[in-house]
Amino acid sequence: MYADFLHEAATYLPALINTNAAVRFHKLGIKWSEFAQRLKAVFVEQNPGHFEAAALVLAEIVEEETAVLQTLQELF
């Protein structure tokens, strides 16, 4: 949803276009879905071993969200 907002906001704030923030948040949405699926596997399969894979995806999310938010902060 935030990706859609950023895409629309770029109409009014053209500087957003160069940040690729909308595209980056769209990709983050996909990562969040992947994270949710991995957690679901933990509980559906009753296999706590899947926590490690979920944690790796979450670390990627944290890294990218931090980077894109830093980019937006520097912009404004």
Foldseek 3Di string as FASTA:
>chain_A
DVLVVLVVCCVVVVVSVVLCLSVLVVVLVVLVVVLVVLVVCCVVVVPCVSVVVSVVSVVVSVVSVVVSVVVVVVVD
